[in-house]
Amino acid sequence: MMGNQMTYGLYGGGMWMFFHFIFWILVIIGVVLLIVWIVRQPHRYERGHGEESPLDVLRKRYARGEISKEEFERIKKDIL
């Protein structure tokens, strides 16, 4: 009888405590990963669901050489 209690105490209760510990570690890791994912998401509410601002588009067009410096300045003044 004593042997069965020792076996349960060493393996049954110990294993339950081990899995209980692992479960909570996984829950904590999951919460941390969720927070990191939320923080790293682009803030869609700032620019209308990830769209570029007109000034960003203008800067890219100027950088690609599609418009001259004079056109860039004129359009920039109209935008702002």
PDB file of N, CA and C in Angstrom:
ATOM      1  N   MET A   1       0.827  -1.192   0.000  1.00  0.00           N
ATOM      2  CA  MET A   1       0.000   0.000   0.000  1.00  0.00           C
ATOM      3  C   MET A   1       0.872   1.257   0.000  1.00  0.00           C
ATOM      4  N   MET A   2       1.895   1.233   0.804  1.00  0.00           N
ATOM      5  CA  MET A   2       2.794   2.372   0.893  1.00  0.00           C
ATOM      6  C   MET A   2       3.489   2.601  -0.455  1.00  0.00           C
ATOM      7  N   GLY A   3       3.803   1.521  -1.158  1.00  0.00           N
ATOM      8  CA  GLY A   3       4.475   1.644  -2.444  1.00  0.00           C
ATOM      9  C   GLY A   3       3.624   2.366  -3.469  1.00  0.00           C
ATOM     10  N   ASN A   4       2.321   2.110  -3.466  1.00  0.00           N
ATOM     11  CA  ASN A   4       1.437   2.777  -4.424  1.00  0.00           C
ATOM     12  C   ASN A   4       1.355   4.273  -4.161  1.00  0.00           C
ATOM     13  N   GLN A   5       1.329   4.672  -2.923  1.00  0.00           N
ATOM     14  CA  GLN A   5       1.262   6.097  -2.600  1.00  0.00           C
ATOM     15  C   GLN A   5       2.551   6.795  -3.005  1.00  0.00           C
ATOM     16  N   MET A   6       3.649   6.138  -2.799  1.00  0.00           N
ATOM     17  CA  MET A   6       4.918   6.754  -3.185  1.00  0.00           C
ATOM     18  C   MET A   6       5.007   6.881  -4.705  1.00  0.00           C
ATOM     19  N   THR A   7       4.537   5.826  -5.398  1.00  0.00           N
ATOM     20  CA  THR A   7       4.577   5.872  -6.854  1.00  0.00           C
ATOM     21  C   THR A   7       3.691   7.002  -7.373  1.00  0.00           C
ATOM     22  N   TYR A   8       2.485   7.140  -6.818  1.00  0.00           N
ATOM     23  CA  TYR A   8       1.598   8.217  -7.244  1.00  0.00           C
ATOM     24  C   TYR A   8       2.215   9.566  -6.894  1.00  0.00           C
ATOM     25  N   GLY A   9       2.780   9.662  -5.715  1.00  0.00           N
ATOM     26  CA  GLY A   9       3.377  10.925  -5.285  1.00  0.00           C
ATOM     27  C   GLY A   9       4.541  11.330  -6.163  1.00  0.00           C
ATOM     28  N   LEU A  10       5.341  10.358  -6.593  1.00  0.00           N
ATOM     29  CA  LEU A  10       6.510  10.689  -7.407  1.00  0.00           C
ATOM     30  C   LEU A  10       6.142  10.930  -8.859  1.00  0.00           C
ATOM     31  N   TYR A  11       5.262  10.095  -9.391  1.00  0.00           N
ATOM     32  CA  TYR A  11       4.962  10.183 -10.814  1.00  0.00           C
ATOM     33  C   TYR A  11       3.643  10.892 -11.115  1.00  0.00           C
ATOM     34  N   GLY A  12       2.580  10.516 -10.432  1.00  0.00           N
ATOM     35  CA  GLY A  12       1.269  11.082 -10.710  1.00  0.00           C
ATOM     36  C   GLY A  12       1.194  12.559 -10.346  1.00  0.00           C
ATOM     37  N   GLY A  13       1.457  12.880  -9.089  1.00  0.00           N
ATOM     38  CA  GLY A  13       1.385  14.271  -8.647  1.00  0.00           C
ATOM     39  C   GLY A  13       2.476  15.128  -9.251  1.00  0.00           C
ATOM     40  N   GLY A  14       3.659  14.555  -9.357  1.00  0.00           N
ATOM     41  CA  GLY A  14       4.785  15.298  -9.930  1.00  0.00           C
ATOM     42  C   GLY A  14       4.577  15.618 -11.390  1.00  0.00           C
ATOM     43  N   MET A  15       4.035  14.661 -12.121  1.00  0.00           N
ATOM     44  CA  MET A  15       3.783  14.901 -13.537  1.00  0.00           C
ATOM     45  C   MET A  15       2.693  15.944 -13.724  1.00  0.00           C
ATOM     46  N   TRP A  16       1.662  15.885 -12.855  1.00  0.00           N
ATOM     47  CA  TRP A  16       0.590  16.880 -12.943  1.00  0.00           C
ATOM     48  C   TRP A  16       1.154  18.272 -12.687  1.00  0.00           C
ATOM     49  N   MET A  17       2.006  18.382 -11.685  1.00  0.00           N
ATOM     50  CA  MET A  17       2.601  19.681 -11.376  1.00  0.00           C
ATOM     51  C   MET A  17       3.491  20.150 -12.520  1.00  0.00           C
ATOM     52  N   PHE A  18       4.220  19.222 -13.151  1.00  0.00           N
ATOM     53  CA  PHE A  18       5.086  19.561 -14.278  1.00  0.00           C
ATOM     54  C   PHE A  18       4.254  20.099 -15.441  1.00  0.00           C
ATOM     55  N   PHE A  19       3.185  19.387 -15.806  1.00  0.00           N
ATOM     56  CA  PHE A  19       2.346  19.830 -16.920  1.00  0.00           C
ATOM     57  C   PHE A  19       1.595  21.116 -16.586  1.00  0.00           C
ATOM     58  N   HIS A  20       1.233  21.270 -15.333  1.00  0.00           N
ATOM     59  CA  HIS A  20       0.588  22.507 -14.893  1.00  0.00           C
ATOM     60  C   HIS A  20       1.558  23.678 -15.060  1.00  0.00           C
ATOM     61  N   PHE A  21       2.798  23.482 -14.671  1.00  0.00           N
ATOM     62  CA  PHE A  21       3.841  24.499 -14.821  1.00  0.00           C
ATOM     63  C   PHE A  21       4.065  24.824 -16.297  1.00  0.00           C
ATOM     64  N   ILE A  22       4.199  23.799 -17.131  1.00  0.00           N
ATOM     65  CA  ILE A  22       4.403  24.006 -18.571  1.00  0.00           C
ATOM     66  C   ILE A  22       3.217  24.740 -19.182  1.00  0.00           C
ATOM     67  N   PHE A  23       2.006  24.396 -18.782  1.00  0.00           N
ATOM     68  CA  PHE A  23       0.811  25.060 -19.293  1.00  0.00           C
ATOM     69  C   PHE A  23       0.878  26.559 -19.029  1.00  0.00           C
ATOM     70  N   TRP A  24       1.191  26.961 -17.810  1.00  0.00           N
ATOM     71  CA  TRP A  24       1.225  28.388 -17.490  1.00  0.00           C
ATOM     72  C   TRP A  24       2.381  29.101 -18.173  1.00  0.00           C
ATOM     73  N   ILE A  25       3.495  28.416 -18.355  1.00  0.00           N
ATOM     74  CA  ILE A  25       4.605  29.016 -19.108  1.00  0.00           C
ATOM     75  C   ILE A  25       4.159  29.279 -20.545  1.00  0.00           C
ATOM     76  N   LEU A  26       3.471  28.303 -21.158  1.00  0.00           N
ATOM     77  CA  LEU A  26       2.980  28.490 -22.528  1.00  0.00           C
ATOM     78  C   LEU A  26       1.950  29.609 -22.616  1.00  0.00           C
ATOM     79  N   VAL A  27       1.095  29.732 -21.614  1.00  0.00           N
ATOM     80  CA  VAL A  27       0.107  30.822 -21.599  1.00  0.00           C
ATOM     81  C   VAL A  27       0.820  32.169 -21.540  1.00  0.00           C
ATOM     82  N   ILE A  28       1.819  32.283 -20.681  1.00  0.00           N
ATOM     83  CA  ILE A  28       2.562  33.545 -20.544  1.00  0.00           C
ATOM     84  C   ILE A  28       3.286  33.870 -21.842  1.00  0.00           C
ATOM     85  N   ILE A  29       3.934  32.876 -22.448  1.00  0.00           N
ATOM     86  CA  ILE A  29       4.624  33.108 -23.723  1.00  0.00           C
ATOM     87  C   ILE A  29       3.623  33.538 -24.795  1.00  0.00           C
ATOM     88  N   GLY A  30       2.453  32.915 -24.829  1.00  0.00           N
ATOM     89  CA  GLY A  30       1.429  33.288 -25.804  1.00  0.00           C
ATOM     90  C   GLY A  30       0.962  34.719 -25.634  1.00  0.00           C
ATOM     91  N   VAL A  31       0.764  35.149 -24.392  1.00  0.00           N
ATOM     92  CA  VAL A  31       0.332  36.522 -24.125  1.00  0.00           C
ATOM     93  C   VAL A  31       1.413  37.502 -24.557  1.00  0.00           C
ATOM     94  N   VAL A  32       2.664  37.199 -24.243  1.00  0.00           N
ATOM     95  CA  VAL A  32       3.769  38.084 -24.637  1.00  0.00           C
ATOM     96  C   VAL A  32       3.850  38.181 -26.156  1.00  0.00           C
ATOM     97  N   LEU A  33       3.751  37.053 -26.848  1.00  0.00           N
ATOM     98  CA  LEU A  33       3.807  37.075 -28.317  1.00  0.00           C
ATOM     99  C   LEU A  33       2.633  37.854 -28.911  1.00  0.00           C
ATOM    100  N   LEU A  34       1.459  37.730 -28.323  1.00  0.00           N
ATOM    101  CA  LEU A  34       0.302  38.484 -28.787  1.00  0.00           C
ATOM    102  C   LEU A  34       0.528  39.985 -28.630  1.00  0.00           C
ATOM    103  N   ILE A  35       1.075  40.396 -27.504  1.00  0.00           N
ATOM    104  CA  ILE A  35       1.356  41.814 -27.269  1.00  0.00           C
ATOM    105  C   ILE A  35       2.387  42.321 -28.269  1.00  0.00           C
ATOM    106  N   VAL A  36       3.457  41.543 -28.506  1.00  0.00           N
ATOM    107  CA  VAL A  36       4.485  41.948 -29.474  1.00  0.00           C
ATOM    108  C   VAL A  36       3.875  42.073 -30.864  1.00  0.00           C
ATOM    109  N   TRP A  37       3.019  41.136 -31.248  1.00  0.00           N
ATOM    110  CA  TRP A  37       2.389  41.178 -32.575  1.00  0.00           C
ATOM    111  C   TRP A  37       1.509  42.416 -32.720  1.00  0.00           C
ATOM    112  N   ILE A  38       0.745  42.730 -31.675  1.00  0.00           N
ATOM    113  CA  ILE A  38      -0.139  43.897 -31.727  1.00  0.00           C
ATOM    114  C   ILE A  38       0.674  45.180 -31.840  1.00  0.00           C
ATOM    115  N   VAL A  39       1.759  45.272 -31.087  1.00  0.00           N
ATOM    116  CA  VAL A  39       2.582  46.489 -31.099  1.00  0.00           C
ATOM    117  C   VAL A  39       3.256  46.671 -32.450  1.00  0.00           C
ATOM    118  N   ARG A  40       3.665  45.590 -33.088  1.00  0.00           N
ATOM    119  CA  ARG A  40       4.386  45.697 -34.361  1.00  0.00           C
ATOM    120  C   ARG A  40       3.482  45.888 -35.568  1.00  0.00           C
ATOM    121  N   GLN A  41       2.177  45.792 -35.415  1.00  0.00           N
ATOM    122  CA  GLN A  41       1.264  45.998 -36.528  1.00  0.00           C
ATOM    123  C   GLN A  41       1.292  47.461 -36.952  1.00  0.00           C
ATOM    124  N   PRO A  42       1.234  47.718 -38.249  1.00  0.00           N
ATOM    125  CA  PRO A  42       1.170  49.117 -38.679  1.00  0.00           C
ATOM    126  C   PRO A  42      -0.123  49.748 -38.165  1.00  0.00           C
ATOM    127  N   HIS A  43      -0.027  50.973 -37.787  1.00  0.00           N
ATOM    128  CA  HIS A  43      -1.193  51.674 -37.248  1.00  0.00           C
ATOM    129  C   HIS A  43      -2.087  52.114 -38.396  1.00  0.00           C
ATOM    130  N   ARG A  44      -3.016  51.268 -38.759  1.00  0.00           N
ATOM    131  CA  ARG A  44      -3.875  51.516 -39.918  1.00  0.00           C
ATOM    132  C   ARG A  44      -4.790  52.701 -39.719  1.00  0.00           C
ATOM    133  N   TYR A  45      -5.080  53.026 -38.495  1.00  0.00           N
ATOM    134  CA  TYR A  45      -5.999  54.132 -38.248  1.00  0.00           C
ATOM    135  C   TYR A  45      -5.350  55.483 -38.499  1.00  0.00           C
ATOM    136  N   GLU A  46      -4.032  55.528 -38.632  1.00  0.00           N
ATOM    137  CA  GLU A  46      -3.352  56.806 -38.849  1.00  0.00           C
ATOM    138  C   GLU A  46      -3.499  57.309 -40.287  1.00  0.00           C
ATOM    139  N   ARG A  47      -3.455  56.389 -41.255  1.00  0.00           N
ATOM    140  CA  ARG A  47      -3.453  56.817 -42.652  1.00  0.00           C
ATOM    141  C   ARG A  47      -4.531  56.127 -43.474  1.00  0.00           C
ATOM    142  N   GLY A  48      -5.590  55.765 -42.907  1.00  0.00           N
ATOM    143  CA  GLY A  48      -6.661  55.166 -43.698  1.00  0.00           C
ATOM    144  C   GLY A  48      -6.327  53.787 -44.224  1.00  0.00           C
ATOM    145  N   HIS A  49      -6.058  52.867 -43.375  1.00  0.00           N
ATOM    146  CA  HIS A  49      -5.833  51.463 -43.701  1.00  0.00           C
ATOM    147  C   HIS A  49      -4.594  51.246 -44.556  1.00  0.00           C
ATOM    148  N   GLY A  50      -3.489  51.859 -44.192  1.00  0.00           N
ATOM    149  CA  GLY A  50      -2.221  51.578 -44.833  1.00  0.00           C
ATOM    150  C   GLY A  50      -1.969  52.299 -46.138  1.00  0.00           C
ATOM    151  N   GLU A  51      -2.819  53.210 -46.543  1.00  0.00           N
ATOM    152  CA  GLU A  51      -2.609  53.936 -47.790  1.00  0.00           C
ATOM    153  C   GLU A  51      -1.507  54.974 -47.606  1.00  0.00           C
ATOM    154  N   GLU A  52      -0.829  55.271 -48.699  1.00  0.00           N
ATOM    155  CA  GLU A  52       0.210  56.292 -48.664  1.00  0.00           C
ATOM    156  C   GLU A  52      -0.436  57.671 -48.713  1.00  0.00           C
ATOM    157  N   SER A  53       0.231  58.605 -48.066  1.00  0.00           N
ATOM    158  CA  SER A  53      -0.261  59.974 -48.131  1.00  0.00           C
ATOM    159  C   SER A  53       0.094  60.557 -49.495  1.00  0.00           C
ATOM    160  N   PRO A  54      -0.614  61.591 -49.914  1.00  0.00           N
ATOM    161  CA  PRO A  54      -0.290  62.221 -51.200  1.00  0.00           C
ATOM    162  C   PRO A  54       1.150  62.748 -51.254  1.00  0.00           C
ATOM    163  N   LEU A  55       1.643  63.223 -50.120  1.00  0.00           N
ATOM    164  CA  LEU A  55       3.019  63.716 -50.081  1.00  0.00           C
ATOM    165  C   LEU A  55       4.020  62.579 -50.287  1.00  0.00           C
ATOM    166  N   ASP A  56       3.740  61.397 -49.739  1.00  0.00           N
ATOM    167  CA  ASP A  56       4.616  60.244 -49.955  1.00  0.00           C
ATOM    168  C   ASP A  56       4.650  59.855 -51.430  1.00  0.00           C
ATOM    169  N   VAL A  57       3.490  59.869 -52.069  1.00  0.00           N
ATOM    170  CA  VAL A  57       3.424  59.534 -53.494  1.00  0.00           C
ATOM    171  C   VAL A  57       4.208  60.559 -54.304  1.00  0.00           C
ATOM    172  N   LEU A  58       4.054  61.820 -53.948  1.00  0.00           N
ATOM    173  CA  LEU A  58       4.775  62.891 -54.638  1.00  0.00           C
ATOM    174  C   LEU A  58       6.282  62.725 -54.484  1.00  0.00           C
ATOM    175  N   ARG A  59       6.734  62.418 -53.291  1.00  0.00           N
ATOM    176  CA  ARG A  59       8.177  62.219 -53.049  1.00  0.00           C
ATOM    177  C   ARG A  59       8.713  61.046 -53.857  1.00  0.00           C
ATOM    178  N   LYS A  60       7.942  59.970 -53.954  1.00  0.00           N
ATOM    179  CA  LYS A  60       8.385  58.819 -54.740  1.00  0.00           C
ATOM    180  C   LYS A  60       8.467  59.157 -56.221  1.00  0.00           C
ATOM    181  N   ARG A  61       7.489  59.914 -56.711  1.00  0.00           N
ATOM    182  CA  ARG A  61       7.513  60.303 -58.123  1.00  0.00           C
ATOM    183  C   ARG A  61       8.727  61.183 -58.418  1.00  0.00           C
ATOM    184  N   TYR A  62       9.054  62.074 -57.504  1.00  0.00           N
ATOM    185  CA  TYR A  62      10.229  62.943 -57.673  1.00  0.00           C
ATOM    186  C   TYR A  62      11.512  62.111 -57.615  1.00  0.00           C
ATOM    187  N   ALA A  63      11.568  61.151 -56.695  1.00  0.00           N
ATOM    188  CA  ALA A  63      12.757  60.314 -56.559  1.00  0.00           C
ATOM    189  C   ALA A  63      12.967  59.440 -57.799  1.00  0.00           C
ATOM    190  N   ARG A  64      11.887  59.007 -58.436  1.00  0.00           N
ATOM    191  CA  ARG A  64      12.008  58.197 -59.648  1.00  0.00           C
ATOM    192  C   ARG A  64      12.302  59.043 -60.888  1.00  0.00           C
ATOM    193  N   GLY A  65      12.241  60.344 -60.748  1.00  0.00           N
ATOM    194  CA  GLY A  65      12.526  61.219 -61.877  1.00  0.00           C
ATOM    195  C   GLY A  65      11.334  61.464 -62.776  1.00  0.00           C
ATOM    196  N   GLU A  66      10.142  61.172 -62.312  1.00  0.00           N
ATOM    197  CA  GLU A  66       8.945  61.370 -63.123  1.00  0.00           C
ATOM    198  C   GLU A  66       8.552  62.838 -63.210  1.00  0.00           C
ATOM    199  N   ILE A  67       8.915  63.632 -62.214  1.00  0.00           N
ATOM    200  CA  ILE A  67       8.584  65.063 -62.221  1.00  0.00           C
ATOM    201  C   ILE A  67       9.837  65.859 -61.883  1.00  0.00           C
ATOM    202  N   SER A  68       9.853  67.103 -62.321  1.00  0.00           N
ATOM    203  CA  SER A  68      10.995  67.971 -62.055  1.00  0.00           C
ATOM    204  C   SER A  68      10.877  68.586 -60.666  1.00  0.00           C
ATOM    205  N   LYS A  69      11.955  69.273 -60.244  1.00  0.00           N
ATOM    206  CA  LYS A  69      11.957  69.919 -58.937  1.00  0.00           C
ATOM    207  C   LYS A  69      10.897  71.018 -58.876  1.00  0.00           C
ATOM    208  N   GLU A  70      10.722  71.741 -59.966  1.00  0.00           N
ATOM    209  CA  GLU A  70       9.716  72.803 -59.990  1.00  0.00           C
ATOM    210  C   GLU A  70       8.308  72.224 -59.841  1.00  0.00           C
ATOM    211  N   GLU A  71       8.046  71.136 -60.570  1.00  0.00           N
ATOM    212  CA  GLU A  71       6.738  70.490 -60.445  1.00  0.00           C
ATOM    213  C   GLU A  71       6.531  69.962 -59.033  1.00  0.00           C
ATOM    214  N   PHE A  72       7.587  69.367 -58.471  1.00  0.00           N
ATOM    215  CA  PHE A  72       7.501  68.842 -57.108  1.00  0.00           C
ATOM    216  C   PHE A  72       7.112  69.948 -56.129  1.00  0.00           C
ATOM    217  N   GLU A  73       7.806  71.080 -56.216  1.00  0.00           N
ATOM    218  CA  GLU A  73       7.538  72.193 -55.286  1.00  0.00           C
ATOM    219  C   GLU A  73       6.135  72.753 -55.492  1.00  0.00           C
ATOM    220  N   ARG A  74       5.706  72.878 -56.743  1.00  0.00           N
ATOM    221  CA  ARG A  74       4.375  73.418 -57.024  1.00  0.00           C
ATOM    222  C   ARG A  74       3.278  72.495 -56.486  1.00  0.00           C
ATOM    223  N   ILE A  75       3.410  71.209 -56.750  1.00  0.00           N
ATOM    224  CA  ILE A  75       2.398  70.250 -56.285  1.00  0.00           C
ATOM    225  C   ILE A  75       2.431  70.148 -54.761  1.00  0.00           C
ATOM    226  N   LYS A  76       3.624  70.180 -54.196  1.00  0.00           N
ATOM    227  CA  LYS A  76       3.758  70.109 -52.733  1.00  0.00           C
ATOM    228  C   LYS A  76       3.046  71.287 -52.076  1.00  0.00           C
ATOM    229  N   LYS A  77       3.183  72.474 -52.684  1.00  0.00           N
ATOM    230  CA  LYS A  77       2.505  73.655 -52.140  1.00  0.00           C
ATOM    231  C   LYS A  77       0.987  73.490 -52.227  1.00  0.00           C
ATOM    232  N   ASP A  78       0.499  72.886 -53.320  1.00  0.00           N
ATOM    233  CA  ASP A  78      -0.936  72.646 -53.452  1.00  0.00           C
ATOM    234  C   ASP A  78      -1.439  71.630 -52.439  1.00  0.00           C
ATOM    235  N   ILE A  79      -0.637  70.608 -52.161  1.00  0.00           N
ATOM    236  CA  ILE A  79      -1.042  69.552 -51.223  1.00  0.00           C
ATOM    237  C   ILE A  79      -1.117  70.107 -49.787  1.00  0.00           C
ATOM    238  N   LEU A  80      -0.074  70.843 -49.440  1.00  0.00           N
ATOM    239  CA  LEU A  80      -0.006  71.354 -48.063  1.00  0.00           C
ATOM    240  C   LEU A  80      -0.775  72.632 -47.984  1.00  0.00           C
TER     241      LEU A  80
END
